[in-house]
Amino acid sequence: NEVLNVGVLPLNTLKRDNKRKLMQMKAIDDNVKLEANKKSLKDYENMNKMIEKESVIVNTIKAKEFENMELNRRKQENQRVFNYWREQEMIKKNNKMAMDMQHRLGDNGVNYEEASFPLARRPENVQRSLNQSFVSMESKRKSLQREIFQGEEEHEARPGDYKHFLKLQMEVKELEKVKTNRAKEEEMKRIQEH
């Protein structure tokens, strides 16, 4: 028995030593992995910081470019709108003069068909002029609408862009009203004559 026990003890001791060595190796391996992971994490964080800095620089440049482009676009748009409204004011002024002259002559009982009546101021010609103004205005409104909405996909729509259209719609409604009233007057006149 003693001989056997002597033989077993070294075997158990060897197993324990091997196990301890394995544990030590694993601990060293784990430490190496941990350090490697820490380094990788640090590298990753540094890389992210660099990317972030570059992104900020790029975005700042892009934002400035976009701002300049947008400013130029709005300036051009405002100029177009200004030119359009100036033209419309002239059309309105001319139409008002024509209508005022018609009413004055009509109130005084002047025969519209007289040869002395200016050709351009005869009712049918004034009506034609009004119709042309209406068509021209509607065409310009649509054209302006297309221009302002051009590139809508590239830029977010802003509520301010629509204020011009509200004004335009009111102008168009006014012209439509004048056109309709004039047509009714002509119809009543025609019925009375017959």
N, C-alpha and C. Protein backbone atom coordinates (compact mmCIF):
# COMPACT_ATOMS: atom_id res chain seq x y z
N ASN A 1 0.82 -1.22 0.00
CA ASN A 1 0.00 0.00 0.00
C ASN A 1 0.85 1.26 0.00
N GLU A 2 1.85 1.24 0.80
CA GLU A 2 2.72 2.41 0.88
C GLU A 2 3.35 2.72 -0.47
N VAL A 3 3.76 1.62 -1.15
CA VAL A 3 4.39 1.82 -2.47
C VAL A 3 3.38 2.46 -3.43
N LEU A 4 2.16 1.95 -3.35
CA LEU A 4 1.11 2.49 -4.24
C LEU A 4 0.85 3.96 -3.94
N ASN A 5 0.73 4.27 -2.67
CA ASN A 5 0.44 5.66 -2.29
C ASN A 5 1.54 6.60 -2.75
N VAL A 6 2.77 6.10 -2.62
CA VAL A 6 3.91 6.92 -3.05
C VAL A 6 3.81 7.19 -4.55
N GLY A 7 3.37 6.18 -5.28
CA GLY A 7 3.23 6.34 -6.74
C GLY A 7 2.09 7.25 -7.12
N VAL A 8 1.02 7.31 -6.34
CA VAL A 8 -0.18 8.10 -6.68
C VAL A 8 0.04 9.58 -6.41
N LEU A 9 0.70 9.88 -5.31
CA LEU A 9 0.87 11.28 -4.91
C LEU A 9 1.54 12.13 -5.98
N PRO A 10 2.66 11.66 -6.52
CA PRO A 10 3.27 12.49 -7.56
C PRO A 10 2.35 12.70 -8.76
N LEU A 11 1.52 11.71 -9.06
CA LEU A 11 0.59 11.84 -10.20
C LEU A 11 -0.43 12.94 -9.93
N ASN A 12 -0.99 12.93 -8.74
CA ASN A 12 -1.96 13.98 -8.37
C ASN A 12 -1.31 15.36 -8.36
N THR A 13 -0.08 15.36 -7.82
CA THR A 13 0.66 16.63 -7.78
C THR A 13 0.90 17.15 -9.20
N LEU A 14 1.24 16.26 -10.08
CA LEU A 14 1.48 16.63 -11.49
C LEU A 14 0.22 17.21 -12.12
N LYS A 15 -0.89 16.55 -11.82
CA LYS A 15 -2.17 17.02 -12.37
C LYS A 15 -2.48 18.42 -11.86
N ARG A 16 -2.25 18.60 -10.55
CA ARG A 16 -2.51 19.93 -9.97
C ARG A 16 -1.61 20.99 -10.59
N ASP A 17 -0.33 20.61 -10.73
CA ASP A 17 0.62 21.56 -11.34
C ASP A 17 0.19 21.94 -12.76
N ASN A 18 -0.19 20.90 -13.50
CA ASN A 18 -0.64 21.15 -14.90
C ASN A 18 -1.87 22.05 -14.93
N LYS A 19 -2.78 21.76 -14.00
CA LYS A 19 -4.02 22.55 -13.95
C LYS A 19 -3.71 24.01 -13.61
N ARG A 20 -2.77 24.17 -12.63
CA ARG A 20 -2.38 25.53 -12.23
C ARG A 20 -1.74 26.28 -13.40
N LYS A 21 -0.86 25.55 -14.11
CA LYS A 21 -0.18 26.16 -15.26
C LYS A 21 -1.19 26.56 -16.35
N LEU A 22 -2.15 25.66 -16.58
CA LEU A 22 -3.20 25.96 -17.57
C LEU A 22 -3.99 27.22 -17.17
N MET A 23 -4.32 27.30 -15.87
CA MET A 23 -5.06 28.46 -15.37
C MET A 23 -4.24 29.74 -15.56
N GLN A 24 -2.92 29.62 -15.25
CA GLN A 24 -2.04 30.78 -15.41
C GLN A 24 -1.97 31.21 -16.89
N MET A 25 -1.85 30.19 -17.77
CA MET A 25 -1.80 30.49 -19.20
C MET A 25 -3.09 31.16 -19.67
N LYS A 26 -4.20 30.63 -19.13
CA LYS A 26 -5.51 31.21 -19.52
C LYS A 26 -5.62 32.66 -19.03
N ALA A 27 -5.14 32.88 -17.80
CA ALA A 27 -5.18 34.23 -17.24
C ALA A 27 -4.34 35.18 -18.09
N ILE A 28 -3.14 34.71 -18.46
CA ILE A 28 -2.27 35.54 -19.31
C ILE A 28 -2.95 35.81 -20.65
N ASP A 29 -3.53 34.74 -21.21
CA ASP A 29 -4.23 34.85 -22.50
C ASP A 29 -5.38 35.85 -22.41
N ASP A 30 -6.14 35.74 -21.30
CA ASP A 30 -7.27 36.66 -21.08
C ASP A 30 -6.80 38.10 -20.97
N ASN A 31 -5.68 38.29 -20.24
CA ASN A 31 -5.12 39.64 -20.09
C ASN A 31 -4.69 40.21 -21.44
N VAL A 32 -4.04 39.35 -22.23
CA VAL A 32 -3.60 39.78 -23.57
C VAL A 32 -4.81 40.19 -24.41
N LYS A 33 -5.86 39.33 -24.35
CA LYS A 33 -7.09 39.63 -25.12
C LYS A 33 -7.73 40.93 -24.63
N LEU A 34 -7.76 41.09 -23.31
CA LEU A 34 -8.37 42.29 -22.72
C LEU A 34 -7.63 43.55 -23.18
N GLU A 35 -6.30 43.48 -23.11
CA GLU A 35 -5.49 44.63 -23.54
C GLU A 35 -5.70 44.91 -25.03
N ALA A 36 -5.74 43.82 -25.80
CA ALA A 36 -5.96 43.97 -27.25
C ALA A 36 -7.32 44.61 -27.51
N ASN A 37 -8.33 44.14 -26.75
CA ASN A 37 -9.67 44.70 -26.90
C ASN A 37 -9.72 46.17 -26.52
N LYS A 38 -9.00 46.49 -25.42
CA LYS A 38 -8.95 47.89 -24.98
C LYS A 38 -8.32 48.76 -26.06
N LYS A 39 -7.23 48.25 -26.62
CA LYS A 39 -6.53 49.00 -27.68
C LYS A 39 -7.45 49.17 -28.90
N SER A 40 -8.11 48.06 -29.27
CA SER A 40 -9.03 48.13 -30.42
C SER A 40 -10.13 49.15 -30.18
N LEU A 41 -10.67 49.12 -28.95
CA LEU A 41 -11.74 50.05 -28.58
C LEU A 41 -11.24 51.50 -28.66
N LYS A 42 -10.03 51.72 -28.13
CA LYS A 42 -9.44 53.05 -28.14
C LYS A 42 -9.22 53.53 -29.59
N ASP A 43 -8.67 52.60 -30.41
CA ASP A 43 -8.45 52.92 -31.83
C ASP A 43 -9.77 53.27 -32.51
N TYR A 44 -10.80 52.47 -32.19
CA TYR A 44 -12.13 52.67 -32.77
C TYR A 44 -12.69 54.04 -32.37
N GLU A 45 -12.54 54.37 -31.08
CA GLU A 45 -13.02 55.66 -30.59
C GLU A 45 -12.29 56.82 -31.28
N ASN A 46 -10.96 56.67 -31.38
CA ASN A 46 -10.16 57.71 -32.04
C ASN A 46 -10.58 57.88 -33.50
N MET A 47 -10.80 56.74 -34.16
CA MET A 47 -11.21 56.77 -35.57
C MET A 47 -12.57 57.48 -35.70
N ASN A 48 -13.48 57.15 -34.78
CA ASN A 48 -14.80 57.78 -34.79
C ASN A 48 -14.71 59.29 -34.58
N LYS A 49 -13.80 59.69 -33.66
CA LYS A 49 -13.61 61.12 -33.40
C LYS A 49 -13.10 61.83 -34.65
N MET A 50 -12.15 61.19 -35.33
CA MET A 50 -11.61 61.77 -36.56
C MET A 50 -12.70 61.91 -37.62
N ILE A 51 -13.48 60.83 -37.77
CA ILE A 51 -14.58 60.85 -38.76
C ILE A 51 -15.57 61.96 -38.42
N GLU A 52 -15.85 62.08 -37.12
CA GLU A 52 -16.80 63.10 -36.66
C GLU A 52 -16.28 64.51 -36.99
N LYS A 53 -14.98 64.73 -36.70
CA LYS A 53 -14.38 66.04 -36.99
C LYS A 53 -14.45 66.34 -38.49
N GLU A 54 -14.08 65.33 -39.30
CA GLU A 54 -14.12 65.52 -40.75
C GLU A 54 -15.54 65.80 -41.23
N SER A 55 -16.49 65.07 -40.64
CA SER A 55 -17.90 65.26 -41.02
C SER A 55 -18.36 66.68 -40.70
N VAL A 56 -17.95 67.17 -39.52
CA VAL A 56 -18.33 68.53 -39.13
C VAL A 56 -17.77 69.54 -40.12
N ILE A 57 -16.50 69.35 -40.50
CA ILE A 57 -15.86 70.27 -41.46
C ILE A 57 -16.59 70.22 -42.80
N VAL A 58 -16.82 68.99 -43.29
CA VAL A 58 -17.50 68.81 -44.59
C VAL A 58 -18.90 69.40 -44.54
N ASN A 59 -19.63 69.10 -43.44
CA ASN A 59 -21.00 69.61 -43.31
C ASN A 59 -21.04 71.13 -43.22
N THR A 60 -20.04 71.70 -42.55
CA THR A 60 -19.97 73.17 -42.45
C THR A 60 -19.79 73.79 -43.84
N ILE A 61 -18.88 73.19 -44.61
CA ILE A 61 -18.63 73.69 -45.98
C ILE A 61 -19.89 73.54 -46.82
N LYS A 62 -20.52 72.34 -46.72
CA LYS A 62 -21.74 72.10 -47.50
C LYS A 62 -22.85 73.06 -47.10
N ALA A 63 -22.98 73.29 -45.78
CA ALA A 63 -24.03 74.19 -45.28
C ALA A 63 -23.81 75.60 -45.82
N LYS A 64 -22.55 76.03 -45.85
CA LYS A 64 -22.23 77.37 -46.35
C LYS A 64 -22.56 77.48 -47.84
N GLU A 65 -22.17 76.42 -48.59
CA GLU A 65 -22.46 76.41 -50.03
C GLU A 65 -23.97 76.44 -50.27
N PHE A 66 -24.68 75.63 -49.49
CA PHE A 66 -26.14 75.56 -49.63
C PHE A 66 -26.78 76.91 -49.29
N GLU A 67 -26.24 77.53 -48.23
CA GLU A 67 -26.77 78.83 -47.79
C GLU A 67 -26.61 79.87 -48.90
N ASN A 68 -25.42 79.90 -49.51
CA ASN A 68 -25.17 80.85 -50.61
C ASN A 68 -26.07 80.57 -51.80
N MET A 69 -26.20 79.27 -52.12
CA MET A 69 -27.03 78.87 -53.26
C MET A 69 -28.49 79.27 -52.99
N GLU A 70 -28.94 79.01 -51.76
CA GLU A 70 -30.33 79.31 -51.38
C GLU A 70 -30.57 80.82 -51.41
N LEU A 71 -29.59 81.58 -50.93
CA LEU A 71 -29.71 83.04 -50.92
C LEU A 71 -29.85 83.57 -52.35
N ASN A 72 -29.01 83.07 -53.25
CA ASN A 72 -29.10 83.49 -54.66
C ASN A 72 -30.43 83.11 -55.27
N ARG A 73 -30.89 81.90 -54.94
CA ARG A 73 -32.18 81.42 -55.47
C ARG A 73 -33.32 82.34 -55.01
N ARG A 74 -33.29 82.69 -53.71
CA ARG A 74 -34.36 83.53 -53.17
C ARG A 74 -34.31 84.95 -53.76
N LYS A 75 -33.08 85.45 -53.98
CA LYS A 75 -32.94 86.78 -54.60
C LYS A 75 -33.55 86.79 -56.00
N GLN A 76 -33.22 85.74 -56.77
CA GLN A 76 -33.76 85.64 -58.14
C GLN A 76 -35.28 85.52 -58.10
N GLU A 77 -35.76 84.71 -57.17
CA GLU A 77 -37.21 84.49 -57.04
C GLU A 77 -37.91 85.81 -56.69
N ASN A 78 -37.33 86.55 -55.73
CA ASN A 78 -37.91 87.83 -55.32
C ASN A 78 -37.92 88.83 -56.48
N GLN A 79 -36.86 88.82 -57.28
CA GLN A 79 -36.79 89.72 -58.43
C GLN A 79 -37.88 89.37 -59.44
N ARG A 80 -38.06 88.05 -59.67
CA ARG A 80 -39.11 87.61 -60.62
C ARG A 80 -40.48 88.06 -60.14
N VAL A 81 -40.72 87.85 -58.84
CA VAL A 81 -42.02 88.22 -58.28
C VAL A 81 -42.24 89.73 -58.37
N PHE A 82 -41.19 90.47 -58.05
CA PHE A 82 -41.29 91.94 -58.13
C PHE A 82 -41.61 92.38 -59.56
N ASN A 83 -40.89 91.84 -60.54
CA ASN A 83 -41.13 92.19 -61.95
C ASN A 83 -42.56 91.83 -62.36
N TYR A 84 -43.00 90.65 -61.90
CA TYR A 84 -44.34 90.19 -62.24
C TYR A 84 -45.40 91.15 -61.70
N TRP A 85 -45.24 91.51 -60.41
CA TRP A 85 -46.25 92.38 -59.81
C TRP A 85 -46.23 93.78 -60.41
N ARG A 86 -45.06 94.27 -60.78
CA ARG A 86 -44.97 95.59 -61.43
C ARG A 86 -45.75 95.56 -62.74
N GLU A 87 -45.58 94.47 -63.48
CA GLU A 87 -46.30 94.32 -64.76
C GLU A 87 -47.80 94.25 -64.53
N GLN A 88 -48.20 93.50 -63.48
CA GLN A 88 -49.63 93.36 -63.18
C GLN A 88 -50.25 94.70 -62.78
N GLU A 89 -49.49 95.51 -62.05
CA GLU A 89 -49.99 96.83 -61.66
C GLU A 89 -50.27 97.68 -62.90
N MET A 90 -49.39 97.58 -63.89
CA MET A 90 -49.59 98.32 -65.14
C MET A 90 -50.84 97.83 -65.86
N ILE A 91 -51.01 96.49 -65.90
CA ILE A 91 -52.20 95.92 -66.56
C ILE A 91 -53.47 96.40 -65.86
N LYS A 92 -53.45 96.35 -64.50
CA LYS A 92 -54.62 96.79 -63.73
C LYS A 92 -54.93 98.26 -63.99
N LYS A 93 -53.85 99.06 -64.01
CA LYS A 93 -54.03 100.50 -64.23
C LYS A 93 -54.66 100.76 -65.59
N ASN A 94 -54.15 100.08 -66.62
CA ASN A 94 -54.69 100.25 -67.98
C ASN A 94 -56.14 99.78 -68.06
N ASN A 95 -56.43 98.64 -67.41
CA ASN A 95 -57.80 98.11 -67.43
C ASN A 95 -58.76 99.06 -66.71
N LYS A 96 -58.28 99.62 -65.59
CA LYS A 96 -59.13 100.55 -64.83
C LYS A 96 -59.45 101.79 -65.66
N MET A 97 -58.43 102.29 -66.36
CA MET A 97 -58.64 103.46 -67.22
C MET A 97 -59.68 103.14 -68.30
N ALA A 98 -59.57 101.94 -68.88
CA ALA A 98 -60.50 101.54 -69.93
C ALA A 98 -61.92 101.43 -69.38
N MET A 99 -62.06 100.80 -68.19
CA MET A 99 -63.38 100.62 -67.59
C MET A 99 -63.98 101.97 -67.19
N ASP A 100 -63.15 102.84 -66.59
CA ASP A 100 -63.64 104.17 -66.18
C ASP A 100 -64.16 104.95 -67.38
N MET A 101 -63.43 104.89 -68.48
CA MET A 101 -63.84 105.61 -69.69
C MET A 101 -65.16 105.04 -70.22
N GLN A 102 -65.28 103.71 -70.16
CA GLN A 102 -66.52 103.06 -70.61
C GLN A 102 -67.71 103.56 -69.81
N HIS A 103 -67.54 103.53 -68.45
CA HIS A 103 -68.65 103.93 -67.57
C HIS A 103 -69.01 105.40 -67.78
N ARG A 104 -68.00 106.24 -67.90
CA ARG A 104 -68.27 107.67 -68.11
C ARG A 104 -69.05 107.90 -69.40
N LEU A 105 -68.61 107.27 -70.46
CA LEU A 105 -69.29 107.43 -71.75
C LEU A 105 -70.69 106.84 -71.69
N GLY A 106 -70.80 105.68 -70.98
CA GLY A 106 -72.11 105.02 -70.87
C GLY A 106 -73.08 105.86 -70.07
N ASP A 107 -72.63 106.45 -68.97
CA ASP A 107 -73.49 107.28 -68.12
C ASP A 107 -73.96 108.53 -68.85
N ASN A 108 -73.14 109.02 -69.74
CA ASN A 108 -73.50 110.22 -70.49
C ASN A 108 -74.40 109.92 -71.68
N GLY A 109 -74.75 108.64 -71.84
CA GLY A 109 -75.66 108.26 -72.91
C GLY A 109 -75.05 108.28 -74.28
N VAL A 110 -73.76 108.16 -74.36
CA VAL A 110 -73.09 108.16 -75.67
C VAL A 110 -73.31 106.81 -76.34
N ASN A 111 -73.60 106.83 -77.61
CA ASN A 111 -73.79 105.59 -78.36
C ASN A 111 -72.43 104.94 -78.60
N TYR A 112 -72.28 103.71 -78.12
CA TYR A 112 -71.00 103.02 -78.25
C TYR A 112 -70.63 102.77 -79.71
N GLU A 113 -71.64 102.70 -80.55
CA GLU A 113 -71.37 102.35 -81.94
C GLU A 113 -70.98 103.55 -82.80
N GLU A 114 -71.00 104.74 -82.19
CA GLU A 114 -70.65 105.93 -82.98
C GLU A 114 -69.22 105.81 -83.50
N ALA A 115 -69.05 106.33 -84.69
CA ALA A 115 -67.72 106.24 -85.33
C ALA A 115 -66.68 107.03 -84.53
N SER A 116 -67.15 108.07 -83.80
CA SER A 116 -66.20 108.89 -83.04
C SER A 116 -65.67 108.16 -81.80
N PHE A 117 -66.37 107.08 -81.41
CA PHE A 117 -65.93 106.35 -80.20
C PHE A 117 -64.62 105.65 -80.49
N PRO A 118 -63.59 105.87 -79.66
CA PRO A 118 -62.27 105.25 -79.94
C PRO A 118 -62.40 103.73 -80.08
N LEU A 119 -61.81 103.23 -81.15
CA LEU A 119 -61.92 101.80 -81.46
C LEU A 119 -61.46 100.91 -80.30
N ALA A 120 -60.35 101.29 -79.70
CA ALA A 120 -59.78 100.46 -78.62
C ALA A 120 -60.66 100.45 -77.37
N ARG A 121 -61.57 101.48 -77.26
CA ARG A 121 -62.40 101.60 -76.06
C ARG A 121 -63.81 101.04 -76.25
N ARG A 122 -64.12 100.51 -77.43
CA ARG A 122 -65.44 99.91 -77.63
C ARG A 122 -65.58 98.69 -76.72
N PRO A 123 -66.80 98.42 -76.24
CA PRO A 123 -66.99 97.34 -75.26
C PRO A 123 -66.39 96.01 -75.67
N GLU A 124 -66.62 95.61 -76.93
CA GLU A 124 -66.11 94.28 -77.34
C GLU A 124 -64.58 94.24 -77.32
N ASN A 125 -63.96 95.41 -77.65
CA ASN A 125 -62.50 95.46 -77.65
C ASN A 125 -61.93 95.50 -76.23
N VAL A 126 -62.66 96.22 -75.36
CA VAL A 126 -62.24 96.26 -73.95
C VAL A 126 -62.37 94.86 -73.35
N GLN A 127 -63.49 94.19 -73.71
CA GLN A 127 -63.69 92.82 -73.20
C GLN A 127 -62.58 91.90 -73.69
N ARG A 128 -62.21 92.05 -74.96
CA ARG A 128 -61.14 91.23 -75.53
C ARG A 128 -59.83 91.50 -74.79
N SER A 129 -59.62 92.78 -74.50
CA SER A 129 -58.39 93.17 -73.78
C SER A 129 -58.38 92.56 -72.38
N LEU A 130 -59.55 92.59 -71.73
CA LEU A 130 -59.65 91.98 -70.39
C LEU A 130 -59.39 90.49 -70.45
N ASN A 131 -59.96 89.84 -71.46
CA ASN A 131 -59.75 88.40 -71.63
C ASN A 131 -58.28 88.08 -71.81
N GLN A 132 -57.62 88.89 -72.65
CA GLN A 132 -56.19 88.68 -72.90
C GLN A 132 -55.38 88.88 -71.62
N SER A 133 -55.77 89.91 -70.86
CA SER A 133 -55.07 90.17 -69.59
C SER A 133 -55.22 88.99 -68.65
N PHE A 134 -56.45 88.46 -68.60
CA PHE A 134 -56.71 87.32 -67.71
C PHE A 134 -55.87 86.10 -68.12
N VAL A 135 -55.87 85.80 -69.43
CA VAL A 135 -55.10 84.66 -69.94
C VAL A 135 -53.62 84.85 -69.66
N SER A 136 -53.15 86.08 -69.91
CA SER A 136 -51.73 86.40 -69.69
C SER A 136 -51.37 86.24 -68.22
N MET A 137 -52.25 86.73 -67.36
CA MET A 137 -51.97 86.66 -65.92
C MET A 137 -51.95 85.22 -65.43
N GLU A 138 -52.93 84.45 -65.89
CA GLU A 138 -53.01 83.03 -65.49
C GLU A 138 -51.77 82.28 -65.96
N SER A 139 -51.35 82.57 -67.19
CA SER A 139 -50.16 81.92 -67.76
C SER A 139 -48.92 82.27 -66.94
N LYS A 140 -48.80 83.54 -66.58
CA LYS A 140 -47.64 83.98 -65.80
C LYS A 140 -47.66 83.37 -64.41
N ARG A 141 -48.86 83.27 -63.85
CA ARG A 141 -48.98 82.68 -62.50
C ARG A 141 -48.48 81.24 -62.51
N LYS A 142 -48.91 80.48 -63.53
CA LYS A 142 -48.48 79.07 -63.63
C LYS A 142 -46.98 78.97 -63.85
N SER A 143 -46.47 79.88 -64.68
CA SER A 143 -45.03 79.89 -64.96
C SER A 143 -44.24 80.17 -63.69
N LEU A 144 -44.69 81.17 -62.95
CA LEU A 144 -44.01 81.52 -61.69
C LEU A 144 -44.10 80.38 -60.69
N GLN A 145 -45.26 79.75 -60.66
CA GLN A 145 -45.46 78.61 -59.75
C GLN A 145 -44.47 77.50 -60.07
N ARG A 146 -44.30 77.23 -61.37
CA ARG A 146 -43.35 76.19 -61.78
C ARG A 146 -41.93 76.55 -61.36
N GLU A 147 -41.58 77.82 -61.57
CA GLU A 147 -40.21 78.26 -61.24
C GLU A 147 -39.94 78.14 -59.75
N ILE A 148 -40.91 78.55 -58.94
CA ILE A 148 -40.69 78.52 -57.49
C ILE A 148 -40.65 77.10 -56.96
N PHE A 149 -41.47 76.24 -57.55
CA PHE A 149 -41.48 74.85 -57.09
C PHE A 149 -40.37 74.02 -57.70
N GLN A 150 -39.64 74.61 -58.68
CA GLN A 150 -38.55 73.86 -59.32
C GLN A 150 -37.51 73.51 -58.27
N GLY A 151 -37.10 72.26 -58.27
CA GLY A 151 -36.10 71.83 -57.29
C GLY A 151 -36.69 71.64 -55.91
N GLU A 152 -38.01 71.45 -55.85
CA GLU A 152 -38.67 71.27 -54.54
C GLU A 152 -38.13 70.05 -53.82
N GLU A 153 -37.73 69.04 -54.60
CA GLU A 153 -37.21 67.81 -53.99
C GLU A 153 -35.88 68.07 -53.30
N GLU A 154 -35.13 69.05 -53.82
CA GLU A 154 -33.81 69.33 -53.23
C GLU A 154 -33.91 70.20 -51.98
N HIS A 155 -34.91 71.05 -51.93
CA HIS A 155 -35.04 71.94 -50.78
C HIS A 155 -36.38 71.70 -50.10
N GLU A 156 -36.38 71.88 -48.79
CA GLU A 156 -37.65 71.74 -48.07
C GLU A 156 -38.56 72.90 -48.46
N ALA A 157 -39.82 72.60 -48.59
CA ALA A 157 -40.77 73.66 -48.94
C ALA A 157 -40.95 74.58 -47.74
N ARG A 158 -41.00 75.87 -47.99
CA ARG A 158 -41.18 76.83 -46.90
C ARG A 158 -42.53 77.52 -47.07
N PRO A 159 -43.27 77.69 -45.96
CA PRO A 159 -44.59 78.32 -46.06
C PRO A 159 -44.53 79.70 -46.71
N GLY A 160 -43.43 80.42 -46.54
CA GLY A 160 -43.30 81.77 -47.11
C GLY A 160 -43.42 81.80 -48.61
N ASP A 161 -43.07 80.67 -49.26
CA ASP A 161 -43.12 80.63 -50.73
C ASP A 161 -44.55 80.74 -51.24
N TYR A 162 -45.53 80.42 -50.40
CA TYR A 162 -46.91 80.35 -50.87
C TYR A 162 -47.64 81.69 -50.78
N LYS A 163 -47.05 82.67 -50.08
CA LYS A 163 -47.77 83.93 -49.91
C LYS A 163 -48.00 84.62 -51.25
N HIS A 164 -47.03 84.43 -52.17
CA HIS A 164 -47.18 85.03 -53.50
C HIS A 164 -48.39 84.43 -54.22
N PHE A 165 -48.59 83.14 -54.04
CA PHE A 165 -49.68 82.47 -54.75
C PHE A 165 -51.04 82.93 -54.22
N LEU A 166 -51.11 83.20 -52.93
CA LEU A 166 -52.37 83.67 -52.37
C LEU A 166 -52.74 85.01 -53.00
N LYS A 167 -51.73 85.89 -53.14
CA LYS A 167 -51.98 87.18 -53.79
C LYS A 167 -52.39 86.98 -55.24
N LEU A 168 -51.68 86.09 -55.91
CA LEU A 168 -51.97 85.82 -57.32
C LEU A 168 -53.39 85.30 -57.50
N GLN A 169 -53.79 84.38 -56.60
CA GLN A 169 -55.13 83.80 -56.70
C GLN A 169 -56.19 84.88 -56.53
N MET A 170 -55.94 85.82 -55.61
CA MET A 170 -56.90 86.91 -55.41
C MET A 170 -57.00 87.77 -56.67
N GLU A 171 -55.84 88.04 -57.27
CA GLU A 171 -55.83 88.83 -58.51
C GLU A 171 -56.62 88.12 -59.61
N VAL A 172 -56.38 86.82 -59.72
CA VAL A 172 -57.07 86.03 -60.75
C VAL A 172 -58.58 86.04 -60.51
N LYS A 173 -58.97 85.90 -59.22
CA LYS A 173 -60.40 85.91 -58.90
C LYS A 173 -61.04 87.24 -59.28
N GLU A 174 -60.30 88.33 -58.99
CA GLU A 174 -60.80 89.66 -59.35
C GLU A 174 -61.01 89.78 -60.86
N LEU A 175 -60.02 89.32 -61.61
CA LEU A 175 -60.14 89.38 -63.07
C LEU A 175 -61.30 88.52 -63.57
N GLU A 176 -61.45 87.34 -62.93
CA GLU A 176 -62.55 86.46 -63.32
C GLU A 176 -63.89 87.14 -63.06
N LYS A 177 -63.98 87.84 -61.92
CA LYS A 177 -65.21 88.53 -61.56
C LYS A 177 -65.54 89.60 -62.59
N VAL A 178 -64.51 90.39 -62.94
CA VAL A 178 -64.70 91.45 -63.94
C VAL A 178 -65.14 90.85 -65.27
N LYS A 179 -64.47 89.75 -65.63
CA LYS A 179 -64.78 89.08 -66.90
C LYS A 179 -66.23 88.57 -66.92
N THR A 180 -66.63 87.92 -65.80
CA THR A 180 -67.99 87.37 -65.70
C THR A 180 -69.03 88.48 -65.73
N ASN A 181 -68.81 89.53 -64.94
CA ASN A 181 -69.75 90.66 -64.89
C ASN A 181 -69.90 91.31 -66.26
N ARG A 182 -68.78 91.45 -66.93
CA ARG A 182 -68.80 92.08 -68.26
C ARG A 182 -69.60 91.21 -69.23
N ALA A 183 -69.38 89.89 -69.14
CA ALA A 183 -70.10 88.97 -70.03
C ALA A 183 -71.61 89.04 -69.76
N LYS A 184 -71.98 89.14 -68.46
CA LYS A 184 -73.41 89.24 -68.09
C LYS A 184 -74.01 90.53 -68.65
N GLU A 185 -73.27 91.62 -68.50
CA GLU A 185 -73.74 92.91 -69.03
C GLU A 185 -73.98 92.84 -70.53
N GLU A 186 -73.03 92.22 -71.22
CA GLU A 186 -73.14 92.09 -72.68
C GLU A 186 -74.36 91.25 -73.05
N GLU A 187 -74.58 90.16 -72.26
CA GLU A 187 -75.72 89.27 -72.53
C GLU A 187 -77.04 90.00 -72.31
N MET A 188 -77.13 90.76 -71.19
CA MET A 188 -78.35 91.52 -70.90
C MET A 188 -78.62 92.56 -71.99
N LYS A 189 -77.56 93.20 -72.41
CA LYS A 189 -77.67 94.22 -73.46
C LYS A 189 -78.18 93.60 -74.76
N ARG A 190 -77.62 92.40 -75.05
CA ARG A 190 -78.01 91.71 -76.29
C ARG A 190 -79.48 91.31 -76.24
N ILE A 191 -79.91 90.82 -75.05
CA ILE A 191 -81.33 90.40 -74.88
C ILE A 191 -82.25 91.61 -75.04
N GLN A 192 -81.86 92.73 -74.40
CA GLN A 192 -82.69 93.94 -74.48
C GLN A 192 -82.81 94.46 -75.91
N GLU A 193 -81.71 94.36 -76.63
CA GLU A 193 -81.71 94.84 -78.02
C GLU A 193 -82.64 94.01 -78.89
N HIS A 194 -82.72 92.68 -78.59
CA HIS A 194 -83.58 91.80 -79.38
C HIS A 194 -85.00 91.77 -78.80
